Protein backbone atom coordinates (compact mmCIF):
# COMPACT_ATOMS: atom_id res chain seq x y z
CA GLU A 1 65.86 -0.99 -10.78
CA LEU A 2 62.78 0.08 -8.84
CA GLY A 3 64.28 0.10 -5.35
CA PRO A 4 66.41 -1.85 -2.93
CA ARG A 5 66.43 -5.62 -3.28
CA LEU A 6 65.10 -7.66 -0.42
CA VAL A 7 68.05 -9.11 1.48
CA PHE A 8 67.75 -12.32 3.48
CA LYS A 9 70.45 -13.26 5.97
CA GLN A 10 71.00 -16.33 8.13
CA GLU A 11 72.23 -15.85 11.68
CA ASN A 12 72.36 -18.66 14.25
CA GLY A 13 69.97 -20.72 12.14
CA LEU A 14 67.40 -17.90 11.96
CA THR A 15 66.27 -16.10 8.81
CA LEU A 16 66.57 -12.30 8.97
CA ILE A 17 64.99 -9.91 6.47
CA ASP A 18 66.88 -6.64 6.04
CA PHE A 19 64.75 -3.55 5.34
CA HIS A 20 67.53 -0.96 5.28
CA GLY A 21 66.74 1.50 2.49
CA TYR A 22 63.02 0.69 2.35
CA SER A 23 60.22 3.18 2.86
CA TYR A 24 57.74 2.33 5.58
CA ALA A 25 55.07 1.24 3.09
CA ALA A 26 57.46 -0.81 0.94
CA ALA A 27 58.87 -2.57 4.02
CA TYR A 28 55.37 -3.44 5.24
CA LEU A 29 54.21 -4.69 1.83
CA ALA A 30 57.29 -6.91 1.49
CA LEU A 31 56.81 -8.22 5.04
CA LYS A 32 53.12 -8.88 4.41
CA GLU A 33 53.98 -10.78 1.22
CA PHE A 34 56.63 -12.83 3.05
CA LEU A 35 54.14 -13.74 5.81
CA GLY A 36 51.84 -15.15 3.12
CA PHE A 37 54.38 -17.69 1.85
CA LEU A 38 53.80 -21.27 2.93
CA SER A 39 57.54 -21.61 3.46
CA CYS A 40 57.62 -18.64 5.84
CA PRO A 41 59.50 -19.84 8.94
CA GLN A 42 57.83 -20.24 12.35
CA LYS A 43 60.17 -17.56 13.74
CA PHE A 44 62.26 -15.04 11.84
CA GLY A 45 63.93 -11.70 12.39
CA VAL A 46 63.28 -8.31 10.86
CA ILE A 47 66.14 -5.85 10.54
CA SER A 48 64.38 -2.50 10.62
CA GLY A 49 67.50 -0.58 11.52
CA LYS A 50 67.79 1.92 14.34
CA GLY A 51 67.22 5.11 12.38
CA CYS A 52 68.90 8.26 13.61
CA GLN A 53 67.99 10.22 16.70
CA LYS A 54 69.39 13.39 15.12
CA ASP A 55 67.02 12.98 12.15
CA GLY A 56 64.04 12.27 14.41
CA ASN A 57 63.44 8.73 13.14
CA HIS A 58 65.11 6.66 15.87
CA LEU A 59 63.44 3.20 15.88
CA GLU A 60 60.47 4.58 13.91
CA LEU A 61 60.43 1.89 11.20
CA ARG A 62 60.53 -0.79 13.90
CA LYS A 63 57.58 0.83 15.72
CA TYR A 64 55.66 1.16 12.46
CA LEU A 65 56.18 -2.46 11.39
CA ILE A 66 55.38 -3.87 14.83
CA GLY A 67 52.20 -1.77 14.91
CA LYS A 68 51.15 -3.02 11.47
CA VAL A 69 51.83 -6.65 12.39
CA ASN A 70 49.96 -6.31 15.69
CA THR A 71 46.96 -4.75 13.93
CA ASN A 72 46.80 -6.94 10.82
CA PHE A 73 48.23 -10.22 12.13
CA PRO A 74 47.09 -10.35 15.78
CA LYS A 75 48.05 -14.02 16.18
CA LEU A 76 51.71 -13.23 15.53
CA GLU A 77 54.05 -12.12 18.28
CA CYS A 78 56.64 -9.38 17.80
CA ILE A 79 59.60 -9.52 20.17
CA PRO A 80 62.31 -6.82 20.18
CA ASP A 81 65.86 -8.17 20.17
CA PRO A 82 67.33 -7.38 23.60
CA LYS A 83 70.83 -7.16 22.10
CA ASN A 84 70.07 -4.98 19.05
CA ALA A 85 67.35 -2.31 18.98
CA GLY A 86 67.34 -2.38 15.17
CA ILE A 87 66.03 -5.97 15.06
CA PHE A 88 62.81 -7.63 16.18
CA PHE A 89 61.54 -11.17 15.85
CA ILE A 90 58.19 -12.42 14.61
CA SER A 91 56.85 -15.74 15.90
CA LYS A 92 53.87 -17.65 14.56
CA PRO A 93 51.65 -19.60 16.97
CA ASN A 94 52.17 -23.36 17.10
């Protein structure tokens, strides 16, 4: 096996993609591929995880992915989950 399998979860009717165990580049490439699917939902969640403050990577994957989406997909909106710092949402314009 080459790496972690992409895990999709459903929570309150919303699709969540779990990137625990992914490198920054692998997480972005998988997210970019998912955004290209015609069946990609209008709004979905990304589980980037919180990282670890002790290891110096607290919320770093989230920051990286949001930065990449903002740069490469400027029409999309990234919204941090107010209840869980390790999750953010991506919304497509109507």
